[in-house]
Amino acid sequence: MTCVSVEDPRSDVARRRPVFALMVHDEDLAAVTGLTPVPVGKIEVPWGQRYPQINSTLYRLYPPDRVP
């Protein structure tokens, strides 16, 4: 399974439905998406292996004007 790209502008998509992101390296998430990431939980993900081995943060992405 591959990642599905979201049409632009992403903020319009995030106004219509929930948008989530799960990345191993999430430092640039806001800059890359133009949305505001809000952590909602932790998920164990694989990193170079077939099995989960590191904890990563699951984010819900909000348009800048709709952050709770």
C-alpha atoms as a PDB file:
ATOM      1  CA  MET A   1       0.000   0.000   0.000  1.00  0.00           C
ATOM      2  CA  THR A   2       1.296   3.475  -0.774  1.00  0.00           C
ATOM      3  CA  CYS A   3       0.574   6.918   0.611  1.00  0.00           C
ATOM      4  CA  VAL A   4      -2.288   8.751  -1.021  1.00  0.00           C
ATOM      5  CA  SER A   5      -1.662  12.353  -1.997  1.00  0.00           C
ATOM      6  CA  VAL A   6      -4.241  14.894  -0.939  1.00  0.00           C
ATOM      7  CA  GLU A   7      -5.375  17.476  -3.449  1.00  0.00           C
ATOM      8  CA  ASP A   8      -4.421  21.114  -2.941  1.00  0.00           C
ATOM      9  CA  PRO A   9      -5.128  23.290  -1.194  1.00  0.00           C
ATOM     10  CA  ARG A  10      -4.802  20.909   1.726  1.00  0.00           C
ATOM     11  CA  SER A  11      -6.504  23.350   4.089  1.00  0.00           C
ATOM     12  CA  ASP A  12      -9.731  22.954   2.064  1.00  0.00           C
ATOM     13  CA  VAL A  13      -9.524  19.179   2.423  1.00  0.00           C
ATOM     14  CA  ALA A  14      -8.894  19.479   6.189  1.00  0.00           C
ATOM     15  CA  ARG A  15     -12.012  21.672   6.510  1.00  0.00           C
ATOM     16  CA  ARG A  16     -14.176  18.980   4.882  1.00  0.00           C
ATOM     17  CA  ARG A  17     -12.831  15.898   6.658  1.00  0.00           C
ATOM     18  CA  PRO A  18     -10.259  14.793   9.222  1.00  0.00           C
ATOM     19  CA  VAL A  19      -6.694  14.588   7.910  1.00  0.00           C
ATOM     20  CA  PHE A  20      -4.043  12.634   9.812  1.00  0.00           C
ATOM     21  CA  ALA A  21      -0.282  12.207   9.442  1.00  0.00           C
ATOM     22  CA  LEU A  22       2.051   9.556  10.778  1.00  0.00           C
ATOM     23  CA  MET A  23       5.713  10.115   9.990  1.00  0.00           C
ATOM     24  CA  VAL A  24       8.967   8.841  11.416  1.00  0.00           C
ATOM     25  CA  HIS A  25      10.549  12.284  11.047  1.00  0.00           C
ATOM     26  CA  ASP A  26       7.866  14.868  11.813  1.00  0.00           C
ATOM     27  CA  GLU A  27       9.920  18.026  12.472  1.00  0.00           C
ATOM     28  CA  ASP A  28       8.910  19.689   9.182  1.00  0.00           C
ATOM     29  CA  LEU A  29       5.301  18.485   9.117  1.00  0.00           C
ATOM     30  CA  ALA A  30       3.740  21.957   9.410  1.00  0.00           C
ATOM     31  CA  ALA A  31       6.062  23.431   6.781  1.00  0.00           C
ATOM     32  CA  VAL A  32       5.508  20.560   4.346  1.00  0.00           C
ATOM     33  CA  THR A  33       1.706  20.461   4.659  1.00  0.00           C
ATOM     34  CA  GLY A  34       0.814  24.077   5.447  1.00  0.00           C
ATOM     35  CA  LEU A  35      -1.436  22.699   8.198  1.00  0.00           C
ATOM     36  CA  THR A  36      -1.127  22.745  11.970  1.00  0.00           C
ATOM     37  CA  PRO A  37      -0.298  19.322  13.473  1.00  0.00           C
ATOM     38  CA  VAL A  38      -1.950  18.441  16.791  1.00  0.00           C
ATOM     39  CA  PRO A  39      -0.786  15.184  18.441  1.00  0.00           C
ATOM     40  CA  VAL A  40      -3.556  12.654  19.096  1.00  0.00           C
ATOM     41  CA  GLY A  41      -1.632   9.545  20.129  1.00  0.00           C
ATOM     42  CA  LYS A  42       1.397   7.298  19.732  1.00  0.00           C
ATOM     43  CA  ILE A  43       1.696   4.397  17.315  1.00  0.00           C
ATOM     44  CA  GLU A  44       4.524   1.883  17.064  1.00  0.00           C
ATOM     45  CA  VAL A  45       5.861   1.833  13.493  1.00  0.00           C
ATOM     46  CA  PRO A  46       8.487  -0.131  11.584  1.00  0.00           C
ATOM     47  CA  TRP A  47      11.783   1.521  10.705  1.00  0.00           C
ATOM     48  CA  GLY A  48      13.851  -0.469   8.230  1.00  0.00           C
ATOM     49  CA  GLN A  49      12.283  -3.730   9.371  1.00  0.00           C
ATOM     50  CA  ARG A  50       8.994  -5.564   8.861  1.00  0.00           C
ATOM     51  CA  TYR A  51       7.845  -5.220  12.439  1.00  0.00           C
ATOM     52  CA  PRO A  52       7.027  -2.171  14.578  1.00  0.00           C
ATOM     53  CA  GLN A  53       9.980  -1.038  16.633  1.00  0.00           C
ATOM     54  CA  ILE A  54       9.781   2.726  17.313  1.00  0.00           C
ATOM     55  CA  ASN A  55       7.057   4.945  18.710  1.00  0.00           C
ATOM     56  CA  SER A  56       5.834   7.701  16.426  1.00  0.00           C
ATOM     57  CA  THR A  57       3.255  10.419  17.037  1.00  0.00           C
ATOM     58  CA  LEU A  58      -0.032  10.388  15.131  1.00  0.00           C
ATOM     59  CA  TYR A  59      -1.125  13.934  14.286  1.00  0.00           C
ATOM     60  CA  ARG A  60      -4.425  15.379  13.214  1.00  0.00           C
ATOM     61  CA  LEU A  61      -3.794  18.209  10.772  1.00  0.00           C
ATOM     62  CA  TYR A  62      -5.901  21.359  11.004  1.00  0.00           C
ATOM     63  CA  PRO A  63      -6.120  24.471   8.855  1.00  0.00           C
ATOM     64  CA  PRO A  64      -4.350  27.297  10.732  1.00  0.00           C
ATOM     65  CA  ASP A  65      -7.663  29.077  11.370  1.00  0.00           C
ATOM     66  CA  ARG A  66      -9.375  25.982  12.858  1.00  0.00           C
ATOM     67  CA  VAL A  67      -6.946  24.695  15.475  1.00  0.00           C
ATOM     68  CA  PRO A  68      -8.871  23.624  18.589  1.00  0.00           C
END
